[in-house]
Every structure is written in C-alpha cells, then in structure tokens.
Amino acid sequence: MSLKTLELIEPNVTVVLHLSPYVAIIVVVKRKPVLIVDESDDSMKAIDLLKRLDIEYVEYDIKKFEESCCGELPTTKAPSLFAVEGIFKGLQEINEYTFLKGDAASDTESESAYW
C-alpha cells in the first residue's frame, strides 16, 4: 500500500491516491476564510496582515452587501473573518486567527459549503 498526495492546478484542492488492488481517489477541498471589510483602518490592517502572512482568503466589502444583497448589516462588525476554525470579529481576533494558522495548518473539513 502506498499513498500519494497531488496538488492540482487549484491550490485548495488536494487529491489523495491510494494505490492498491482497488483504486481509491479522495478529493479534499480546503475552504478559504471570508474576510468582511469596510473602509476603516482596522479593515486595511486586517487585509495587510493576511497578505503579509500569505493566508489565502475571500474578501467582501460590507457596503456591497448593503447595496446589492441584504440591506444594512447592523450586527456585523468589520473587519470580521469567517473561517473553518471559527468567527473572528475585529482586528484583535483576526490577529489571534493568524496565530492559530501559524501554529498548525488546518486540515479540518467544513460541513458548510459557504466558506
């Protein structure tokens, strides 16, 4: 028995091949965290922090939600980060998330298809 891991063109998809008399292919999709931002200094600092640490994420401007989707989001604080590891509100909690990412790479599979 041998296991081989291949990273495809898309860096967030990992394929594990189990080579035996029976072929097994397992596809693991790693979810990118979602960063909700506004025009504040803390949002700009959060963007800069994630970029400097090479943490991949999807960015959403809270104003675009207000204009095109859901109206005003009064309970959502920007910046906020929605990740497999949890919800991180404010720059201080996003800093804590980066320490989590630095301590151990997340192999946690999410039950949600939304992040």
N, C-alpha and C. Protein backbone atom coordinates (compact mmCIF):
# COMPACT_ATOMS: atom_id res chain seq x y z
N MET A 1 0.83 -1.19 0.00
CA MET A 1 0.00 0.00 0.00
C MET A 1 0.87 1.24 0.00
N SER A 2 0.51 2.20 -0.82
CA SER A 2 1.21 3.47 -0.78
C SER A 2 0.23 4.59 -1.02
N LEU A 3 0.49 5.72 -0.38
CA LEU A 3 -0.36 6.90 -0.54
C LEU A 3 0.44 7.97 -1.25
N LYS A 4 -0.19 8.61 -2.19
CA LYS A 4 0.43 9.73 -2.88
C LYS A 4 -0.52 10.91 -2.81
N THR A 5 0.02 12.07 -2.54
CA THR A 5 -0.78 13.29 -2.49
C THR A 5 -0.35 14.20 -3.62
N LEU A 6 -1.31 14.66 -4.38
CA LEU A 6 -1.04 15.55 -5.51
C LEU A 6 -1.79 16.86 -5.29
N GLU A 7 -1.14 17.96 -5.60
CA GLU A 7 -1.82 19.25 -5.57
C GLU A 7 -2.12 19.61 -7.01
N LEU A 8 -3.38 19.82 -7.30
CA LEU A 8 -3.80 20.14 -8.66
C LEU A 8 -3.53 21.60 -8.97
N ILE A 9 -3.99 22.03 -10.11
CA ILE A 9 -3.82 23.43 -10.53
C ILE A 9 -4.40 24.36 -9.48
N GLU A 10 -5.52 24.01 -8.91
CA GLU A 10 -6.14 24.81 -7.86
C GLU A 10 -5.49 24.45 -6.53
N PRO A 11 -4.81 25.39 -5.87
CA PRO A 11 -4.05 25.06 -4.65
C PRO A 11 -4.90 24.65 -3.47
N ASN A 12 -6.21 24.86 -3.49
CA ASN A 12 -7.05 24.49 -2.36
C ASN A 12 -7.68 23.12 -2.53
N VAL A 13 -7.27 22.37 -3.56
CA VAL A 13 -7.80 21.04 -3.77
C VAL A 13 -6.65 20.06 -3.69
N THR A 14 -6.78 19.09 -2.82
CA THR A 14 -5.77 18.07 -2.67
C THR A 14 -6.39 16.73 -3.05
N VAL A 15 -5.67 15.95 -3.83
CA VAL A 15 -6.14 14.63 -4.23
C VAL A 15 -5.23 13.60 -3.59
N VAL A 16 -5.81 12.63 -2.90
CA VAL A 16 -5.04 11.56 -2.28
C VAL A 16 -5.34 10.29 -3.06
N LEU A 17 -4.29 9.67 -3.59
CA LEU A 17 -4.44 8.42 -4.34
C LEU A 17 -3.98 7.28 -3.45
N HIS A 18 -4.80 6.28 -3.30
CA HIS A 18 -4.44 5.09 -2.53
C HIS A 18 -4.23 3.98 -3.56
N LEU A 19 -2.97 3.60 -3.75
CA LEU A 19 -2.64 2.63 -4.77
C LEU A 19 -2.64 1.23 -4.17
N SER A 20 -3.60 0.43 -4.54
CA SER A 20 -3.74 -0.94 -4.08
C SER A 20 -4.46 -1.70 -5.18
N PRO A 21 -4.82 -2.95 -4.95
CA PRO A 21 -5.59 -3.64 -6.00
C PRO A 21 -6.88 -2.90 -6.37
N TYR A 22 -7.36 -2.11 -5.43
CA TYR A 22 -8.54 -1.29 -5.70
C TYR A 22 -8.10 0.17 -5.66
N VAL A 23 -8.49 0.94 -6.63
CA VAL A 23 -8.07 2.33 -6.70
C VAL A 23 -9.05 3.19 -5.91
N ALA A 24 -8.51 4.02 -5.04
CA ALA A 24 -9.34 4.96 -4.28
C ALA A 24 -8.79 6.36 -4.52
N ILE A 25 -9.65 7.26 -4.89
CA ILE A 25 -9.28 8.65 -5.07
C ILE A 25 -10.14 9.48 -4.11
N ILE A 26 -9.48 10.24 -3.27
CA ILE A 26 -10.17 11.07 -2.29
C ILE A 26 -9.84 12.52 -2.59
N VAL A 27 -10.84 13.34 -2.76
CA VAL A 27 -10.64 14.75 -3.04
C VAL A 27 -10.97 15.54 -1.77
N VAL A 28 -10.03 16.35 -1.32
CA VAL A 28 -10.21 17.18 -0.14
C VAL A 28 -10.18 18.64 -0.57
N VAL A 29 -11.24 19.36 -0.26
CA VAL A 29 -11.31 20.78 -0.60
C VAL A 29 -11.11 21.58 0.68
N LYS A 30 -10.12 22.45 0.67
CA LYS A 30 -9.88 23.31 1.82
C LYS A 30 -10.59 24.64 1.58
N ARG A 31 -11.35 25.07 2.54
CA ARG A 31 -12.12 26.31 2.42
C ARG A 31 -11.27 27.51 2.76
N LYS A 32 -11.41 28.55 1.95
CA LYS A 32 -10.74 29.82 2.26
C LYS A 32 -11.60 30.59 3.24
N PRO A 33 -10.97 31.28 4.19
CA PRO A 33 -11.76 32.13 5.08
C PRO A 33 -12.33 33.33 4.32
N VAL A 34 -13.44 33.85 4.82
CA VAL A 34 -14.09 35.02 4.22
C VAL A 34 -13.84 36.21 5.13
N LEU A 35 -13.26 37.26 4.56
CA LEU A 35 -12.97 38.48 5.31
C LEU A 35 -13.97 39.56 4.90
N ILE A 36 -14.74 40.03 5.87
CA ILE A 36 -15.70 41.12 5.62
C ILE A 36 -15.04 42.41 6.07
N VAL A 37 -14.96 43.37 5.15
CA VAL A 37 -14.25 44.62 5.42
C VAL A 37 -15.12 45.83 5.12
N ASP A 38 -14.66 46.96 5.62
CA ASP A 38 -15.23 48.25 5.24
C ASP A 38 -14.05 49.17 4.95
N GLU A 39 -14.25 50.48 5.01
CA GLU A 39 -13.16 51.41 4.67
C GLU A 39 -12.33 51.83 5.89
N SER A 40 -12.51 51.16 7.01
CA SER A 40 -11.81 51.55 8.24
C SER A 40 -10.34 51.16 8.21
N ASP A 41 -9.58 51.80 9.08
CA ASP A 41 -8.15 51.47 9.22
C ASP A 41 -7.96 50.03 9.65
N ASP A 42 -8.81 49.55 10.56
CA ASP A 42 -8.68 48.16 11.02
C ASP A 42 -8.89 47.17 9.88
N SER A 43 -9.82 47.47 8.98
CA SER A 43 -10.03 46.59 7.83
C SER A 43 -8.79 46.56 6.93
N MET A 44 -8.21 47.74 6.70
CA MET A 44 -7.00 47.80 5.88
C MET A 44 -5.85 47.05 6.54
N LYS A 45 -5.75 47.15 7.87
CA LYS A 45 -4.70 46.43 8.60
C LYS A 45 -4.93 44.92 8.53
N ALA A 46 -6.19 44.49 8.60
CA ALA A 46 -6.51 43.06 8.51
C ALA A 46 -6.13 42.52 7.14
N ILE A 47 -6.45 43.27 6.08
CA ILE A 47 -6.08 42.87 4.71
C ILE A 47 -4.57 42.75 4.60
N ASP A 48 -3.87 43.75 5.09
CA ASP A 48 -2.41 43.76 5.03
C ASP A 48 -1.81 42.58 5.80
N LEU A 49 -2.36 42.31 6.98
CA LEU A 49 -1.87 41.21 7.81
C LEU A 49 -2.00 39.87 7.10
N LEU A 50 -3.18 39.59 6.55
CA LEU A 50 -3.38 38.31 5.87
C LEU A 50 -2.50 38.18 4.63
N LYS A 51 -2.33 39.28 3.90
CA LYS A 51 -1.47 39.25 2.71
C LYS A 51 -0.01 39.01 3.09
N ARG A 52 0.47 39.70 4.14
CA ARG A 52 1.86 39.53 4.57
C ARG A 52 2.16 38.11 5.00
N LEU A 53 1.17 37.44 5.59
CA LEU A 53 1.36 36.08 6.07
C LEU A 53 0.98 35.03 5.03
N ASP A 54 0.69 35.48 3.81
CA ASP A 54 0.31 34.58 2.71
C ASP A 54 -0.86 33.67 3.07
N ILE A 55 -1.83 34.21 3.78
CA ILE A 55 -3.05 33.47 4.09
C ILE A 55 -4.07 33.79 3.01
N GLU A 56 -4.50 32.79 2.29
CA GLU A 56 -5.49 33.00 1.24
C GLU A 56 -6.86 33.23 1.86
N TYR A 57 -7.62 34.15 1.28
CA TYR A 57 -8.94 34.48 1.79
C TYR A 57 -9.78 35.06 0.68
N VAL A 58 -11.08 35.15 0.93
CA VAL A 58 -12.02 35.80 0.02
C VAL A 58 -12.48 37.07 0.71
N GLU A 59 -12.41 38.18 0.00
CA GLU A 59 -12.73 39.48 0.61
C GLU A 59 -14.10 39.97 0.13
N TYR A 60 -14.93 40.42 1.08
CA TYR A 60 -16.21 41.02 0.77
C TYR A 60 -16.30 42.37 1.47
N ASP A 61 -16.67 43.38 0.70
CA ASP A 61 -16.89 44.72 1.25
C ASP A 61 -18.30 44.78 1.80
N ILE A 62 -18.44 45.17 3.05
CA ILE A 62 -19.75 45.20 3.71
C ILE A 62 -20.71 46.14 2.98
N LYS A 63 -20.20 47.20 2.34
CA LYS A 63 -21.05 48.14 1.60
C LYS A 63 -21.70 47.46 0.40
N LYS A 64 -21.00 46.52 -0.22
CA LYS A 64 -21.59 45.81 -1.37
C LYS A 64 -22.76 44.93 -0.93
N PHE A 65 -22.68 44.39 0.29
CA PHE A 65 -23.82 43.64 0.81
C PHE A 65 -25.02 44.56 0.95
N GLU A 66 -24.77 45.75 1.50
CA GLU A 66 -25.85 46.70 1.72
C GLU A 66 -26.49 47.13 0.40
N GLU A 67 -25.69 47.33 -0.63
CA GLU A 67 -26.20 47.83 -1.91
C GLU A 67 -26.89 46.74 -2.73
N SER A 68 -26.32 45.54 -2.77
CA SER A 68 -26.80 44.55 -3.72
C SER A 68 -27.53 43.37 -3.11
N CYS A 69 -27.40 43.17 -1.81
CA CYS A 69 -27.92 41.92 -1.28
C CYS A 69 -28.93 42.11 -0.18
N CYS A 70 -28.42 42.45 0.95
CA CYS A 70 -29.20 42.25 2.17
C CYS A 70 -29.58 43.51 2.89
N GLY A 71 -29.32 44.64 2.32
CA GLY A 71 -29.56 45.86 3.07
C GLY A 71 -28.48 46.04 4.11
N GLU A 72 -28.76 46.81 5.09
CA GLU A 72 -27.76 47.09 6.12
C GLU A 72 -27.54 45.87 7.01
N LEU A 73 -26.30 45.65 7.39
CA LEU A 73 -25.96 44.54 8.27
C LEU A 73 -25.51 45.11 9.62
N PRO A 74 -26.44 45.55 10.46
CA PRO A 74 -26.06 46.25 11.67
C PRO A 74 -25.33 45.39 12.69
N THR A 75 -25.49 44.09 12.66
CA THR A 75 -24.84 43.25 13.67
C THR A 75 -23.48 42.74 13.22
N THR A 76 -23.10 43.00 11.99
CA THR A 76 -21.80 42.54 11.51
C THR A 76 -20.77 43.64 11.70
N LYS A 77 -19.71 43.31 12.40
CA LYS A 77 -18.63 44.25 12.67
C LYS A 77 -17.52 44.00 11.64
N ALA A 78 -17.05 45.07 11.03
CA ALA A 78 -15.95 44.93 10.07
C ALA A 78 -14.69 45.48 10.71
N PRO A 79 -13.58 44.83 10.59
CA PRO A 79 -13.40 43.58 9.85
C PRO A 79 -13.83 42.36 10.68
N SER A 80 -14.35 41.36 9.98
CA SER A 80 -14.68 40.07 10.57
C SER A 80 -14.19 38.99 9.63
N LEU A 81 -13.76 37.87 10.20
CA LEU A 81 -13.25 36.76 9.41
C LEU A 81 -14.05 35.51 9.76
N PHE A 82 -14.65 34.90 8.72
CA PHE A 82 -15.40 33.67 8.89
C PHE A 82 -14.54 32.54 8.32
N ALA A 83 -14.10 31.62 9.19
CA ALA A 83 -13.20 30.55 8.78
C ALA A 83 -13.68 29.23 9.35
N VAL A 84 -13.09 28.15 8.87
CA VAL A 84 -13.42 26.82 9.38
C VAL A 84 -13.17 26.78 10.89
N GLU A 85 -12.15 27.47 11.33
CA GLU A 85 -11.77 27.46 12.74
C GLU A 85 -12.70 28.28 13.63
N GLY A 86 -13.54 29.12 13.04
CA GLY A 86 -14.47 29.93 13.83
C GLY A 86 -14.70 31.29 13.22
N ILE A 87 -15.38 32.15 13.97
CA ILE A 87 -15.67 33.51 13.54
C ILE A 87 -14.81 34.45 14.38
N PHE A 88 -14.10 35.35 13.71
CA PHE A 88 -13.16 36.25 14.36
C PHE A 88 -13.59 37.68 14.06
N LYS A 89 -14.07 38.39 15.07
CA LYS A 89 -14.59 39.75 14.90
C LYS A 89 -13.58 40.77 15.39
N GLY A 90 -13.24 41.71 14.53
CA GLY A 90 -12.31 42.76 14.91
C GLY A 90 -10.87 42.37 14.63
N LEU A 91 -10.02 43.38 14.58
CA LEU A 91 -8.61 43.18 14.24
C LEU A 91 -7.89 42.30 15.26
N GLN A 92 -8.21 42.46 16.54
CA GLN A 92 -7.55 41.66 17.57
C GLN A 92 -7.84 40.16 17.38
N GLU A 93 -9.09 39.81 17.11
CA GLU A 93 -9.43 38.40 16.91
C GLU A 93 -8.84 37.86 15.61
N ILE A 94 -8.75 38.70 14.57
CA ILE A 94 -8.13 38.27 13.32
C ILE A 94 -6.65 38.00 13.56
N ASN A 95 -6.00 38.82 14.41
CA ASN A 95 -4.62 38.54 14.81
C ASN A 95 -4.52 37.17 15.49
N GLU A 96 -5.47 36.85 16.36
CA GLU A 96 -5.49 35.55 17.03
C GLU A 96 -5.62 34.43 16.00
N TYR A 97 -6.45 34.64 14.98
CA TYR A 97 -6.60 33.64 13.91
C TYR A 97 -5.26 33.38 13.22
N THR A 98 -4.49 34.44 12.96
CA THR A 98 -3.21 34.24 12.27
C THR A 98 -2.26 33.42 13.14
N PHE A 99 -2.33 33.57 14.46
CA PHE A 99 -1.52 32.74 15.35
C PHE A 99 -1.97 31.28 15.27
N LEU A 100 -3.29 31.06 15.19
CA LEU A 100 -3.80 29.70 15.03
C LEU A 100 -3.27 29.08 13.74
N LYS A 101 -3.31 29.85 12.67
CA LYS A 101 -2.83 29.35 11.37
C LYS A 101 -1.34 29.08 11.42
N GLY A 102 -0.60 29.88 12.17
CA GLY A 102 0.84 29.71 12.27
C GLY A 102 1.20 28.49 13.10
N ASP A 103 0.38 28.16 14.12
CA ASP A 103 0.68 27.02 14.99
C ASP A 103 0.47 25.69 14.28
N ALA A 104 -0.60 25.59 13.51
CA ALA A 104 -0.88 24.32 12.82
C ALA A 104 -1.72 24.61 11.59
N ALA A 105 -1.34 24.00 10.49
CA ALA A 105 -2.14 24.14 9.27
C ALA A 105 -3.46 23.40 9.49
N SER A 106 -4.54 24.01 9.05
CA SER A 106 -5.87 23.44 9.28
C SER A 106 -6.19 22.38 8.24
N ASP A 107 -6.41 21.17 8.70
CA ASP A 107 -6.89 20.10 7.83
C ASP A 107 -8.33 19.77 8.17
N THR A 108 -8.98 20.66 8.92
CA THR A 108 -10.34 20.43 9.34
C THR A 108 -11.26 20.56 8.14
N GLU A 109 -12.12 19.56 7.96
CA GLU A 109 -13.09 19.64 6.89
C GLU A 109 -14.34 20.35 7.39
N SER A 110 -14.84 21.25 6.61
CA SER A 110 -16.00 22.02 6.98
C SER A 110 -17.26 21.34 6.48
N GLU A 111 -18.30 21.38 7.30
CA GLU A 111 -19.58 20.85 6.85
C GLU A 111 -20.31 21.88 6.00
N SER A 112 -19.84 23.11 6.02
CA SER A 112 -20.50 24.18 5.29
C SER A 112 -19.86 24.36 3.92
N ALA A 113 -20.68 24.59 2.93
CA ALA A 113 -20.18 24.86 1.59
C ALA A 113 -20.02 26.35 1.35
N TYR A 114 -20.23 27.16 2.38
CA TYR A 114 -20.22 28.60 2.21
C TYR A 114 -18.93 29.26 2.57
N TRP A 115 -17.93 28.53 3.04
CA TRP A 115 -16.60 29.08 3.23
C TRP A 115 -15.57 28.01 3.06
